[in-house]
Amino acid sequence: MSRYFTEDHEWVDVDGDVGTVGITDYAQGQLGDIVFVDVPDEGKELTRGDEAAVVESVKAASDVYAPVSGTVVEGNAALADTPGLVNEDPEGDGWFFKVTLSDTTELDEMMDEAAYEAFVSKL
């Protein structure tokens, strides 16, 4: 499995042609205590850069953008009852949605973990 990152602090784990999408630990730390997450419905078509989900914290509401294009195959239903999973495990159980990738070449424009860590260190 390979993990890729965006400058908007989303990550995508790619396994075959399915990507699991979430926000980074850095992003959840900036948001603070997360109180609500709205994930996209199964079957929704996303184009890279589209608003895909909404996350609300005690500080602010933020859009989560699709890091890749494709069709949503699953939203993380656990976040409806337990949005704090995003704070507890943002790059694990706190994932937002899974998508079937329609254009794997989009991954070439994203950062790997080392590049993302270097990017965040300059913020």
PDB file of N, CA and C in Angstrom:
ATOM      1  N   MET A   1       0.846  -1.179   0.000  1.00  0.00           N
ATOM      2  CA  MET A   1       0.000   0.000   0.000  1.00  0.00           C
ATOM      3  C   MET A   1       0.889   1.239   0.000  1.00  0.00           C
ATOM      4  N   SER A   2       0.512   2.231  -0.773  1.00  0.00           N
ATOM      5  CA  SER A   2       1.275   3.478  -0.851  1.00  0.00           C
ATOM      6  C   SER A   2       0.424   4.628  -0.335  1.00  0.00           C
ATOM      7  N   ARG A   3       1.055   5.553   0.371  1.00  0.00           N
ATOM      8  CA  ARG A   3       0.344   6.717   0.908  1.00  0.00           C
ATOM      9  C   ARG A   3       0.873   7.972   0.227  1.00  0.00           C
ATOM     10  N   TYR A   4      -0.061   8.842  -0.153  1.00  0.00           N
ATOM     11  CA  TYR A   4       0.254  10.102  -0.821  1.00  0.00           C
ATOM     12  C   TYR A   4      -0.427  11.234  -0.054  1.00  0.00           C
ATOM     13  N   PHE A   5       0.153  12.456  -0.173  1.00  0.00           N
ATOM     14  CA  PHE A   5      -0.334  13.612   0.570  1.00  0.00           C
ATOM     15  C   PHE A   5      -0.542  14.806  -0.353  1.00  0.00           C
ATOM     16  N   THR A   6      -1.470  15.698   0.059  1.00  0.00           N
ATOM     17  CA  THR A   6      -1.691  16.944  -0.674  1.00  0.00           C
ATOM     18  C   THR A   6      -1.248  18.125   0.188  1.00  0.00           C
ATOM     19  N   GLU A   7      -1.096  19.288  -0.440  1.00  0.00           N
ATOM     20  CA  GLU A   7      -0.761  20.504   0.306  1.00  0.00           C
ATOM     21  C   GLU A   7      -1.941  20.982   1.146  1.00  0.00           C
ATOM     22  N   ASP A   8      -3.142  20.435   0.908  1.00  0.00           N
ATOM     23  CA  ASP A   8      -4.319  20.759   1.722  1.00  0.00           C
ATOM     24  C   ASP A   8      -4.454  19.808   2.905  1.00  0.00           C
ATOM     25  N   HIS A   9      -3.445  18.972   3.126  1.00  0.00           N
ATOM     26  CA  HIS A   9      -3.359  18.075   4.282  1.00  0.00           C
ATOM     27  C   HIS A   9      -4.335  16.902   4.227  1.00  0.00           C
ATOM     28  N   GLU A  10      -4.655  16.458   3.004  1.00  0.00           N
ATOM     29  CA  GLU A  10      -5.360  15.196   2.864  1.00  0.00           C
ATOM     30  C   GLU A  10      -4.332  14.116   2.550  1.00  0.00           C
ATOM     31  N   TRP A  11      -4.677  12.888   2.898  1.00  0.00           N
ATOM     32  CA  TRP A  11      -3.850  11.742   2.528  1.00  0.00           C
ATOM     33  C   TRP A  11      -4.729  10.727   1.810  1.00  0.00           C
ATOM     34  N   VAL A  12      -4.098   9.903   1.005  1.00  0.00           N
ATOM     35  CA  VAL A  12      -4.790   8.793   0.358  1.00  0.00           C
ATOM     36  C   VAL A  12      -3.866   7.584   0.387  1.00  0.00           C
ATOM     37  N   ASP A  13      -4.394   6.483   0.922  1.00  0.00           N
ATOM     38  CA  ASP A  13      -3.703   5.196   0.889  1.00  0.00           C
ATOM     39  C   ASP A  13      -4.238   4.440  -0.309  1.00  0.00           C
ATOM     40  N   VAL A  14      -3.357   4.002  -1.180  1.00  0.00           N
ATOM     41  CA  VAL A  14      -3.779   3.314  -2.396  1.00  0.00           C
ATOM     42  C   VAL A  14      -3.468   1.832  -2.282  1.00  0.00           C
ATOM     43  N   ASP A  15      -4.509   1.025  -2.483  1.00  0.00           N
ATOM     44  CA  ASP A  15      -4.393  -0.423  -2.478  1.00  0.00           C
ATOM     45  C   ASP A  15      -5.105  -0.926  -3.724  1.00  0.00           C
ATOM     46  N   GLY A  16      -4.341  -1.289  -4.749  1.00  0.00           N
ATOM     47  CA  GLY A  16      -4.948  -1.659  -6.028  1.00  0.00           C
ATOM     48  C   GLY A  16      -5.529  -0.413  -6.678  1.00  0.00           C
ATOM     49  N   ASP A  17      -6.837  -0.440  -6.969  1.00  0.00           N
ATOM     50  CA  ASP A  17      -7.469   0.737  -7.575  1.00  0.00           C
ATOM     51  C   ASP A  17      -8.382   1.470  -6.602  1.00  0.00           C
ATOM     52  N   VAL A  18      -8.248   1.166  -5.299  1.00  0.00           N
ATOM     53  CA  VAL A  18      -9.066   1.824  -4.278  1.00  0.00           C
ATOM     54  C   VAL A  18      -8.178   2.682  -3.385  1.00  0.00           C
ATOM     55  N   GLY A  19      -8.619   3.922  -3.174  1.00  0.00           N
ATOM     56  CA  GLY A  19      -7.914   4.830  -2.286  1.00  0.00           C
ATOM     57  C   GLY A  19      -8.740   5.132  -1.057  1.00  0.00           C
ATOM     58  N   THR A  20      -8.127   5.073   0.107  1.00  0.00           N
ATOM     59  CA  THR A  20      -8.768   5.472   1.358  1.00  0.00           C
ATOM     60  C   THR A  20      -8.269   6.865   1.686  1.00  0.00           C
ATOM     61  N   VAL A  21      -9.202   7.790   1.953  1.00  0.00           N
ATOM     62  CA  VAL A  21      -8.881   9.213   2.101  1.00  0.00           C
ATOM     63  C   VAL A  21      -9.184   9.699   3.513  1.00  0.00           C
ATOM     64  N   GLY A  22      -8.285  10.544   4.024  1.00  0.00           N
ATOM     65  CA  GLY A  22      -8.499  11.174   5.315  1.00  0.00           C
ATOM     66  C   GLY A  22      -7.703  12.463   5.395  1.00  0.00           C
ATOM     67  N   ILE A  23      -7.692  13.047   6.597  1.00  0.00           N
ATOM     68  CA  ILE A  23      -6.870  14.238   6.813  1.00  0.00           C
ATOM     69  C   ILE A  23      -5.692  13.863   7.693  1.00  0.00           C
ATOM     70  N   THR A  24      -4.630  14.627   7.577  1.00  0.00           N
ATOM     71  CA  THR A  24      -3.398  14.311   8.294  1.00  0.00           C
ATOM     72  C   THR A  24      -3.477  14.675   9.775  1.00  0.00           C
ATOM     73  N   ASP A  25      -2.528  14.155  10.513  1.00  0.00           N
ATOM     74  CA  ASP A  25      -2.417  14.498  11.928  1.00  0.00           C
ATOM     75  C   ASP A  25      -2.214  16.003  12.092  1.00  0.00           C
ATOM     76  N   TYR A  26      -1.437  16.595  11.199  1.00  0.00           N
ATOM     77  CA  TYR A  26      -1.230  18.044  11.247  1.00  0.00           C
ATOM     78  C   TYR A  26      -2.562  18.769  11.115  1.00  0.00           C
ATOM     79  N   ALA A  27      -3.392  18.347  10.168  1.00  0.00           N
ATOM     80  CA  ALA A  27      -4.686  19.012   9.929  1.00  0.00           C
ATOM     81  C   ALA A  27      -5.599  18.893  11.141  1.00  0.00           C
ATOM     82  N   GLN A  28      -5.706  17.703  11.708  1.00  0.00           N
ATOM     83  CA  GLN A  28      -6.597  17.559  12.868  1.00  0.00           C
ATOM     84  C   GLN A  28      -6.087  18.370  14.045  1.00  0.00           C
ATOM     85  N   GLY A  29      -4.774  18.483  14.166  1.00  0.00           N
ATOM     86  CA  GLY A  29      -4.202  19.296  15.241  1.00  0.00           C
ATOM     87  C   GLY A  29      -4.538  20.771  15.088  1.00  0.00           C
ATOM     88  N   GLN A  30      -4.564  21.248  13.834  1.00  0.00           N
ATOM     89  CA  GLN A  30      -4.912  22.640  13.569  1.00  0.00           C
ATOM     90  C   GLN A  30      -6.397  22.894  13.831  1.00  0.00           C
ATOM     91  N   LEU A  31      -7.234  21.895  13.573  1.00  0.00           N
ATOM     92  CA  LEU A  31      -8.679  22.043  13.754  1.00  0.00           C
ATOM     93  C   LEU A  31      -9.093  22.002  15.218  1.00  0.00           C
ATOM     94  N   GLY A  32      -8.411  21.224  16.021  1.00  0.00           N
ATOM     95  CA  GLY A  32      -8.813  21.048  17.414  1.00  0.00           C
ATOM     96  C   GLY A  32      -9.851  19.938  17.527  1.00  0.00           C
ATOM     97  N   ASP A  33     -10.653  19.971  18.598  1.00  0.00           N
ATOM     98  CA  ASP A  33     -11.609  18.896  18.860  1.00  0.00           C
ATOM     99  C   ASP A  33     -12.689  18.850  17.785  1.00  0.00           C
ATOM    100  N   ILE A  34     -12.738  17.734  17.078  1.00  0.00           N
ATOM    101  CA  ILE A  34     -13.686  17.574  15.975  1.00  0.00           C
ATOM    102  C   ILE A  34     -15.022  17.082  16.533  1.00  0.00           C
ATOM    103  N   VAL A  35     -16.101  17.788  16.141  1.00  0.00           N
ATOM    104  CA  VAL A  35     -17.427  17.495  16.682  1.00  0.00           C
ATOM    105  C   VAL A  35     -18.406  16.967  15.637  1.00  0.00           C
ATOM    106  N   PHE A  36     -18.066  17.086  14.343  1.00  0.00           N
ATOM    107  CA  PHE A  36     -18.972  16.627  13.289  1.00  0.00           C
ATOM    108  C   PHE A  36     -18.176  16.366  12.018  1.00  0.00           C
ATOM    109  N   VAL A  37     -18.530  15.279  11.325  1.00  0.00           N
ATOM    110  CA  VAL A  37     -17.929  14.966  10.031  1.00  0.00           C
ATOM    111  C   VAL A  37     -19.046  14.551   9.081  1.00  0.00           C
ATOM    112  N   ASP A  38     -19.065  15.140   7.896  1.00  0.00           N
ATOM    113  CA  ASP A  38     -20.023  14.776   6.852  1.00  0.00           C
ATOM    114  C   ASP A  38     -19.224  14.172   5.698  1.00  0.00           C
ATOM    115  N   VAL A  39     -19.405  12.863   5.464  1.00  0.00           N
ATOM    116  CA  VAL A  39     -18.666  12.177   4.412  1.00  0.00           C
ATOM    117  C   VAL A  39     -19.553  12.025   3.181  1.00  0.00           C
ATOM    118  N   PRO A  40     -18.950  11.856   2.006  1.00  0.00           N
ATOM    119  CA  PRO A  40     -19.750  11.723   0.788  1.00  0.00           C
ATOM    120  C   PRO A  40     -20.482  10.383   0.730  1.00  0.00           C
ATOM    121  N   ASP A  41     -21.596  10.371  -0.005  1.00  0.00           N
ATOM    122  CA  ASP A  41     -22.390   9.160  -0.162  1.00  0.00           C
ATOM    123  C   ASP A  41     -21.742   8.203  -1.147  1.00  0.00           C
ATOM    124  N   GLU A  42     -21.987   6.917  -0.933  1.00  0.00           N
ATOM    125  CA  GLU A  42     -21.531   5.887  -1.867  1.00  0.00           C
ATOM    126  C   GLU A  42     -22.097   6.189  -3.254  1.00  0.00           C
ATOM    127  N   GLY A  43     -21.256   6.054  -4.258  1.00  0.00           N
ATOM    128  CA  GLY A  43     -21.683   6.297  -5.633  1.00  0.00           C
ATOM    129  C   GLY A  43     -21.407   7.702  -6.130  1.00  0.00           C
ATOM    130  N   LYS A  44     -21.066   8.614  -5.227  1.00  0.00           N
ATOM    131  CA  LYS A  44     -20.781   9.996  -5.641  1.00  0.00           C
ATOM    132  C   LYS A  44     -19.520  10.024  -6.497  1.00  0.00           C
ATOM    133  N   GLU A  45     -19.601  10.732  -7.613  1.00  0.00           N
ATOM    134  CA  GLU A  45     -18.448  10.905  -8.494  1.00  0.00           C
ATOM    135  C   GLU A  45     -17.673  12.137  -8.042  1.00  0.00           C
ATOM    136  N   LEU A  46     -16.376  11.976  -7.869  1.00  0.00           N
ATOM    137  CA  LEU A  46     -15.529  13.086  -7.438  1.00  0.00           C
ATOM    138  C   LEU A  46     -14.436  13.340  -8.472  1.00  0.00           C
ATOM    139  N   THR A  47     -14.147  14.605  -8.662  1.00  0.00           N
ATOM    140  CA  THR A  47     -12.999  15.017  -9.463  1.00  0.00           C
ATOM    141  C   THR A  47     -11.983  15.598  -8.498  1.00  0.00           C
ATOM    142  N   ARG A  48     -10.716  15.306  -8.733  1.00  0.00           N
ATOM    143  CA  ARG A  48      -9.670  15.818  -7.842  1.00  0.00           C
ATOM    144  C   ARG A  48      -9.877  17.310  -7.615  1.00  0.00           C
ATOM    145  N   GLY A  49      -9.842  17.708  -6.346  1.00  0.00           N
ATOM    146  CA  GLY A  49     -10.035  19.109  -5.986  1.00  0.00           C
ATOM    147  C   GLY A  49     -11.455  19.446  -5.590  1.00  0.00           C
ATOM    148  N   ASP A  50     -12.415  18.557  -5.865  1.00  0.00           N
ATOM    149  CA  ASP A  50     -13.805  18.793  -5.463  1.00  0.00           C
ATOM    150  C   ASP A  50     -13.916  18.798  -3.949  1.00  0.00           C
ATOM    151  N   GLU A  51     -14.893  19.565  -3.440  1.00  0.00           N
ATOM    152  CA  GLU A  51     -15.237  19.459  -2.030  1.00  0.00           C
ATOM    153  C   GLU A  51     -15.881  18.093  -1.845  1.00  0.00           C
ATOM    154  N   ALA A  52     -15.296  17.271  -0.983  1.00  0.00           N
ATOM    155  CA  ALA A  52     -15.769  15.901  -0.838  1.00  0.00           C
ATOM    156  C   ALA A  52     -16.419  15.639   0.516  1.00  0.00           C
ATOM    157  N   ALA A  53     -15.952  16.322   1.546  1.00  0.00           N
ATOM    158  CA  ALA A  53     -16.455  16.097   2.898  1.00  0.00           C
ATOM    159  C   ALA A  53     -16.339  17.414   3.670  1.00  0.00           C
ATOM    160  N   VAL A  54     -17.010  17.442   4.830  1.00  0.00           N
ATOM    161  CA  VAL A  54     -16.933  18.602   5.714  1.00  0.00           C
ATOM    162  C   VAL A  54     -16.566  18.100   7.101  1.00  0.00           C
ATOM    163  N   VAL A  55     -15.659  18.814   7.739  1.00  0.00           N
ATOM    164  CA  VAL A  55     -15.286  18.495   9.112  1.00  0.00           C
ATOM    165  C   VAL A  55     -15.465  19.763   9.942  1.00  0.00           C
ATOM    166  N   GLU A  56     -16.149  19.606  11.070  1.00  0.00           N
ATOM    167  CA  GLU A  56     -16.376  20.751  11.964  1.00  0.00           C
ATOM    168  C   GLU A  56     -15.722  20.470  13.297  1.00  0.00           C
ATOM    169  N   SER A  57     -15.066  21.499  13.812  1.00  0.00           N
ATOM    170  CA  SER A  57     -14.438  21.393  15.124  1.00  0.00           C
ATOM    171  C   SER A  57     -14.986  22.510  15.997  1.00  0.00           C
ATOM    172  N   VAL A  58     -14.531  22.546  17.230  1.00  0.00           N
ATOM    173  CA  VAL A  58     -14.944  23.617  18.116  1.00  0.00           C
ATOM    174  C   VAL A  58     -14.411  24.962  17.629  1.00  0.00           C
ATOM    175  N   LYS A  59     -13.380  24.946  16.775  1.00  0.00           N
ATOM    176  CA  LYS A  59     -12.779  26.171  16.250  1.00  0.00           C
ATOM    177  C   LYS A  59     -13.393  26.624  14.935  1.00  0.00           C
ATOM    178  N   ALA A  60     -13.655  25.674  14.009  1.00  0.00           N
ATOM    179  CA  ALA A  60     -14.021  26.064  12.638  1.00  0.00           C
ATOM    180  C   ALA A  60     -14.608  24.890  11.881  1.00  0.00           C
ATOM    181  N   ALA A  61     -15.186  25.204  10.736  1.00  0.00           N
ATOM    182  CA  ALA A  61     -15.610  24.172   9.783  1.00  0.00           C
ATOM    183  C   ALA A  61     -14.673  24.245   8.593  1.00  0.00           C
ATOM    184  N   SER A  62     -14.307  23.091   8.060  1.00  0.00           N
ATOM    185  CA  SER A  62     -13.388  23.040   6.924  1.00  0.00           C
ATOM    186  C   SER A  62     -13.881  22.027   5.903  1.00  0.00           C
ATOM    187  N   ASP A  63     -13.603  22.331   4.656  1.00  0.00           N
ATOM    188  CA  ASP A  63     -13.887  21.372   3.598  1.00  0.00           C
ATOM    189  C   ASP A  63     -12.705  20.420   3.476  1.00  0.00           C
ATOM    190  N   VAL A  64     -13.017  19.197   3.119  1.00  0.00           N
ATOM    191  CA  VAL A  64     -12.004  18.208   2.784  1.00  0.00           C
ATOM    192  C   VAL A  64     -12.143  17.985   1.283  1.00  0.00           C
ATOM    193  N   TYR A  65     -11.054  18.152   0.571  1.00  0.00           N
ATOM    194  CA  TYR A  65     -11.078  18.062  -0.883  1.00  0.00           C
ATOM    195  C   TYR A  65     -10.658  16.668  -1.347  1.00  0.00           C
ATOM    196  N   ALA A  66     -11.210  16.249  -2.460  1.00  0.00           N
ATOM    197  CA  ALA A  66     -10.852  14.956  -3.029  1.00  0.00           C
ATOM    198  C   ALA A  66      -9.414  15.035  -3.554  1.00  0.00           C
ATOM    199  N   PRO A  67      -8.508  14.224  -3.016  1.00  0.00           N
ATOM    200  CA  PRO A  67      -7.125  14.256  -3.503  1.00  0.00           C
ATOM    201  C   PRO A  67      -6.969  13.550  -4.843  1.00  0.00           C
ATOM    202  N   VAL A  68      -7.964  12.740  -5.193  1.00  0.00           N
ATOM    203  CA  VAL A  68      -7.960  11.979  -6.444  1.00  0.00           C
ATOM    204  C   VAL A  68      -9.377  11.943  -7.008  1.00  0.00           C
ATOM    205  N   SER A  69      -9.469  11.674  -8.308  1.00  0.00           N
ATOM    206  CA  SER A  69     -10.765  11.523  -8.965  1.00  0.00           C
ATOM    207  C   SER A  69     -11.221  10.076  -8.872  1.00  0.00           C
ATOM    208  N   GLY A  70     -12.553   9.894  -8.806  1.00  0.00           N
ATOM    209  CA  GLY A  70     -13.085   8.543  -8.784  1.00  0.00           C
ATOM    210  C   GLY A  70     -14.482   8.497  -8.218  1.00  0.00           C
ATOM    211  N   THR A  71     -14.941   7.282  -7.938  1.00  0.00           N
ATOM    212  CA  THR A  71     -16.281   7.045  -7.420  1.00  0.00           C
ATOM    213  C   THR A  71     -16.185   6.578  -5.976  1.00  0.00           C
ATOM    214  N   VAL A  72     -16.959   7.219  -5.099  1.00  0.00           N
ATOM    215  CA  VAL A  72     -16.964   6.845  -3.687  1.00  0.00           C
ATOM    216  C   VAL A  72     -17.582   5.447  -3.547  1.00  0.00           C
ATOM    217  N   VAL A  73     -16.855   4.556  -2.891  1.00  0.00           N
ATOM    218  CA  VAL A  73     -17.368   3.206  -2.660  1.00  0.00           C
ATOM    219  C   VAL A  73     -17.799   3.000  -1.212  1.00  0.00           C
ATOM    220  N   GLU A  74     -17.350   3.894  -0.317  1.00  0.00           N
ATOM    221  CA  GLU A  74     -17.725   3.769   1.083  1.00  0.00           C
ATOM    222  C   GLU A  74     -17.377   5.050   1.829  1.00  0.00           C
ATOM    223  N   GLY A  75     -18.287   5.466   2.698  1.00  0.00           N
ATOM    224  CA  GLY A  75     -17.998   6.537   3.646  1.00  0.00           C
ATOM    225  C   GLY A  75     -17.782   5.892   5.005  1.00  0.00           C
ATOM    226  N   ASN A  76     -16.992   6.500   5.856  1.00  0.00           N
ATOM    227  CA  ASN A  76     -16.729   5.944   7.186  1.00  0.00           C
ATOM    228  C   ASN A  76     -17.911   6.253   8.098  1.00  0.00           C
ATOM    229  N   ALA A  77     -18.834   5.299   8.198  1.00  0.00           N
ATOM    230  CA  ALA A  77     -20.054   5.476   8.989  1.00  0.00           C
ATOM    231  C   ALA A  77     -19.758   5.709  10.463  1.00  0.00           C
ATOM    232  N   ALA A  78     -18.634   5.213  10.958  1.00  0.00           N
ATOM    233  CA  ALA A  78     -18.294   5.374  12.375  1.00  0.00           C
ATOM    234  C   ALA A  78     -18.140   6.843  12.757  1.00  0.00           C
ATOM    235  N   LEU A  79     -17.805   7.705  11.792  1.00  0.00           N
ATOM    236  CA  LEU A  79     -17.584   9.119  12.103  1.00  0.00           C
ATOM    237  C   LEU A  79     -18.877   9.849  12.456  1.00  0.00           C
ATOM    238  N   ALA A  80     -20.023   9.326  12.027  1.00  0.00           N
ATOM    239  CA  ALA A  80     -21.304   9.963  12.356  1.00  0.00           C
ATOM    240  C   ALA A  80     -21.532   9.955  13.869  1.00  0.00           C
ATOM    241  N   ASP A  81     -21.219   8.838  14.502  1.00  0.00           N
ATOM    242  CA  ASP A  81     -21.419   8.707  15.951  1.00  0.00           C
ATOM    243  C   ASP A  81     -20.184   9.092  16.752  1.00  0.00           C
ATOM    244  N   THR A  82     -19.010   8.964  16.128  1.00  0.00           N
ATOM    245  CA  THR A  82     -17.764   9.189  16.848  1.00  0.00           C
ATOM    246  C   THR A  82     -16.816  10.058  16.016  1.00  0.00           C
ATOM    247  N   PRO A  83     -17.164  11.341  15.803  1.00  0.00           N
ATOM    248  CA  PRO A  83     -16.288  12.190  14.995  1.00  0.00           C
ATOM    249  C   PRO A  83     -14.904  12.363  15.599  1.00  0.00           C
ATOM    250  N   GLY A  84     -14.779  12.164  16.911  1.00  0.00           N
ATOM    251  CA  GLY A  84     -13.489  12.290  17.581  1.00  0.00           C
ATOM    252  C   GLY A  84     -12.456  11.282  17.124  1.00  0.00           C
ATOM    253  N   LEU A  85     -12.889  10.243  16.368  1.00  0.00           N
ATOM    254  CA  LEU A  85     -11.919   9.299  15.799  1.00  0.00           C
ATOM    255  C   LEU A  85     -10.892  10.018  14.940  1.00  0.00           C
ATOM    256  N   VAL A  86     -11.309  11.130  14.332  1.00  0.00           N
ATOM    257  CA  VAL A  86     -10.391  11.888  13.487  1.00  0.00           C
ATOM    258  C   VAL A  86      -9.270  12.474  14.338  1.00  0.00           C
ATOM    259  N   ASN A  87      -9.575  12.908  15.566  1.00  0.00           N
ATOM    260  CA  ASN A  87      -8.539  13.405  16.468  1.00  0.00           C
ATOM    261  C   ASN A  87      -7.677  12.270  17.011  1.00  0.00           C
ATOM    262  N   GLU A  88      -8.326  11.153  17.362  1.00  0.00           N
ATOM    263  CA  GLU A  88      -7.623  10.048  17.996  1.00  0.00           C
ATOM    264  C   GLU A  88      -6.709   9.291  17.031  1.00  0.00           C
ATOM    265  N   ASP A  89      -7.164   9.110  15.790  1.00  0.00           N
ATOM    266  CA  ASP A  89      -6.417   8.285  14.833  1.00  0.00           C
ATOM    267  C   ASP A  89      -6.655   8.810  13.413  1.00  0.00           C
ATOM    268  N   PRO A  90      -6.172  10.044  13.120  1.00  0.00           N
ATOM    269  CA  PRO A  90      -6.498  10.682  11.843  1.00  0.00           C
ATOM    270  C   PRO A  90      -5.983   9.932  10.618  1.00  0.00           C
ATOM    271  N   GLU A  91      -4.907   9.196  10.781  1.00  0.00           N
ATOM    272  CA  GLU A  91      -4.336   8.503   9.624  1.00  0.00           C
ATOM    273  C   GLU A  91      -4.556   6.998   9.726  1.00  0.00           C
ATOM    274  N   GLY A  92      -5.632   6.623  10.447  1.00  0.00           N
ATOM    275  CA  GLY A  92      -6.017   5.221  10.619  1.00  0.00           C
ATOM    276  C   GLY A  92      -7.530   5.114  10.643  1.00  0.00           C
ATOM    277  N   ASP A  93      -8.085   4.803  11.830  1.00  0.00           N
ATOM    278  CA  ASP A  93      -9.538   4.610  11.965  1.00  0.00           C
ATOM    279  C   ASP A  93     -10.352   5.864  11.669  1.00  0.00           C
ATOM    280  N   GLY A  94      -9.710   7.028  11.664  1.00  0.00           N
ATOM    281  CA  GLY A  94     -10.410   8.282  11.392  1.00  0.00           C
ATOM    282  C   GLY A  94     -10.496   8.646   9.914  1.00  0.00           C
ATOM    283  N   TRP A  95     -10.335   7.655   9.029  1.00  0.00           N
ATOM    284  CA  TRP A  95     -10.450   7.911   7.584  1.00  0.00           C
ATOM    285  C   TRP A  95     -11.855   8.415   7.246  1.00  0.00           C
ATOM    286  N   PHE A  96     -11.980   9.089   6.103  1.00  0.00           N
ATOM    287  CA  PHE A  96     -13.253   9.696   5.716  1.00  0.00           C
ATOM    288  C   PHE A  96     -14.038   8.875   4.696  1.00  0.00           C
ATOM    289  N   PHE A  97     -13.375   8.502   3.594  1.00  0.00           N
ATOM    290  CA  PHE A  97     -14.080   7.742   2.557  1.00  0.00           C
ATOM    291  C   PHE A  97     -13.101   6.946   1.715  1.00  0.00           C
ATOM    292  N   LYS A  98     -13.666   5.979   0.988  1.00  0.00           N
ATOM    293  CA  LYS A  98     -12.885   5.175   0.045  1.00  0.00           C
ATOM    294  C   LYS A  98     -13.418   5.456  -1.348  1.00  0.00           C
ATOM    295  N   VAL A  99     -12.502   5.496  -2.313  1.00  0.00           N
ATOM    296  CA  VAL A  99     -12.855   5.862  -3.673  1.00  0.00           C
ATOM    297  C   VAL A  99     -12.128   4.939  -4.658  1.00  0.00           C
ATOM    298  N   THR A 100     -12.843   4.551  -5.703  1.00  0.00           N
ATOM    299  CA  THR A 100     -12.210   3.812  -6.796  1.00  0.00           C
ATOM    300  C   THR A 100     -11.532   4.834  -7.693  1.00  0.00           C
ATOM    301  N   LEU A 101     -10.227   4.726  -7.856  1.00  0.00           N
ATOM    302  CA  LEU A 101      -9.459   5.705  -8.622  1.00  0.00           C
ATOM    303  C   LEU A 101      -9.786   5.627 -10.114  1.00  0.00           C
ATOM    304  N   SER A 102     -10.057   6.773 -10.711  1.00  0.00           N
ATOM    305  CA  SER A 102     -10.327   6.789 -12.148  1.00  0.00           C
ATOM    306  C   SER A 102      -9.103   7.216 -12.954  1.00  0.00           C
ATOM    307  N   ASP A 103      -8.094   7.826 -12.296  1.00  0.00           N
ATOM    308  CA  ASP A 103      -6.901   8.288 -13.008  1.00  0.00           C
ATOM    309  C   ASP A 103      -5.699   8.205 -12.072  1.00  0.00           C
ATOM    310  N   THR A 104      -5.004   7.089 -12.105  1.00  0.00           N
ATOM    311  CA  THR A 104      -3.885   6.890 -11.182  1.00  0.00           C
ATOM    312  C   THR A 104      -2.714   7.828 -11.461  1.00  0.00           C
ATOM    313  N   THR A 105      -2.671   8.479 -12.626  1.00  0.00           N
ATOM    314  CA  THR A 105      -1.570   9.410 -12.900  1.00  0.00           C
ATOM    315  C   THR A 105      -1.647  10.636 -11.984  1.00  0.00           C
ATOM    316  N   GLU A 106      -2.828  10.902 -11.402  1.00  0.00           N
ATOM    317  CA  GLU A 106      -2.950  12.032 -10.461  1.00  0.00           C
ATOM    318  C   GLU A 106      -2.024  11.841  -9.256  1.00  0.00           C
ATOM    319  N   LEU A 107      -1.737  10.610  -8.915  1.00  0.00           N
ATOM    320  CA  LEU A 107      -0.871  10.327  -7.767  1.00  0.00           C
ATOM    321  C   LEU A 107       0.537  10.855  -7.983  1.00  0.00           C
ATOM    322  N   ASP A 108       0.949  10.959  -9.248  1.00  0.00           N
ATOM    323  CA  ASP A 108       2.297  11.438  -9.570  1.00  0.00           C
ATOM    324  C   ASP A 108       2.517  12.882  -9.128  1.00  0.00           C
ATOM    325  N   GLU A 109       1.430  13.636  -8.960  1.00  0.00           N
ATOM    326  CA  GLU A 109       1.529  15.054  -8.590  1.00  0.00           C
ATOM    327  C   GLU A 109       1.440  15.267  -7.083  1.00  0.00           C
ATOM    328  N   MET A 110       1.304  14.184  -6.326  1.00  0.00           N
ATOM    329  CA  MET A 110       1.178  14.288  -4.880  1.00  0.00           C
ATOM    330  C   MET A 110       2.519  14.020  -4.201  1.00  0.00           C
ATOM    331  N   MET A 111       2.589  14.316  -2.911  1.00  0.00           N
ATOM    332  CA  MET A 111       3.820  14.142  -2.136  1.00  0.00           C
ATOM    333  C   MET A 111       3.848  12.776  -1.461  1.00  0.00           C
ATOM    334  N   ASP A 112       5.055  12.224  -1.307  1.00  0.00           N
ATOM    335  CA  ASP A 112       5.199  11.041  -0.460  1.00  0.00           C
ATOM    336  C   ASP A 112       5.369  11.537   0.982  1.00  0.00           C
ATOM    337  N   GLU A 113       5.505  10.608   1.915  1.00  0.00           N
ATOM    338  CA  GLU A 113       5.556  10.986   3.329  1.00  0.00           C
ATOM    339  C   GLU A 113       6.726  11.916   3.646  1.00  0.00           C
ATOM    340  N   ALA A 114       7.897  11.640   3.101  1.00  0.00           N
ATOM    341  CA  ALA A 114       9.077  12.472   3.372  1.00  0.00           C
ATOM    342  C   ALA A 114       8.870  13.894   2.840  1.00  0.00           C
ATOM    343  N   ALA A 115       8.318  14.003   1.640  1.00  0.00           N
ATOM    344  CA  ALA A 115       8.075  15.329   1.056  1.00  0.00           C
ATOM    345  C   ALA A 115       7.016  16.082   1.850  1.00  0.00           C
ATOM    346  N   TYR A 116       5.993  15.368   2.325  1.00  0.00           N
ATOM    347  CA  TYR A 116       4.946  16.020   3.120  1.00  0.00           C
ATOM    348  C   TYR A 116       5.521  16.514   4.447  1.00  0.00           C
ATOM    349  N   GLU A 117       6.334  15.705   5.101  1.00  0.00           N
ATOM    350  CA  GLU A 117       6.939  16.120   6.377  1.00  0.00           C
ATOM    351  C   GLU A 117       7.805  17.361   6.166  1.00  0.00           C
ATOM    352  N   ALA A 118       8.533  17.421   5.070  1.00  0.00           N
ATOM    353  CA  ALA A 118       9.339  18.600   4.757  1.00  0.00           C
ATOM    354  C   ALA A 118       8.447  19.809   4.515  1.00  0.00           C
ATOM    355  N   PHE A 119       7.322  19.604   3.826  1.00  0.00           N
ATOM    356  CA  PHE A 119       6.365  20.678   3.552  1.00  0.00           C
ATOM    357  C   PHE A 119       5.801  21.232   4.855  1.00  0.00           C
ATOM    358  N   VAL A 120       5.369  20.345   5.769  1.00  0.00           N
ATOM    359  CA  VAL A 120       4.768  20.768   7.034  1.00  0.00           C
ATOM    360  C   VAL A 120       5.791  21.473   7.923  1.00  0.00           C
ATOM    361  N   SER A 121       7.056  21.053   7.851  1.00  0.00           N
ATOM    362  CA  SER A 121       8.080  21.658   8.707  1.00  0.00           C
ATOM    363  C   SER A 121       8.316  23.128   8.364  1.00  0.00           C
ATOM    364  N   LYS A 122       7.900  23.554   7.177  1.00  0.00           N
ATOM    365  CA  LYS A 122       8.076  24.948   6.764  1.00  0.00           C
ATOM    366  C   LYS A 122       6.861  25.816   7.071  1.00  0.00           C
ATOM    367  N   LEU A 123       5.800  25.198   7.616  1.00  0.00           N
ATOM    368  CA  LEU A 123       4.573  25.978   7.887  1.00  0.00           C
ATOM    369  C   LEU A 123       4.652  26.697   9.217  1.00  0.00           C
TER     370      LEU A 123
END
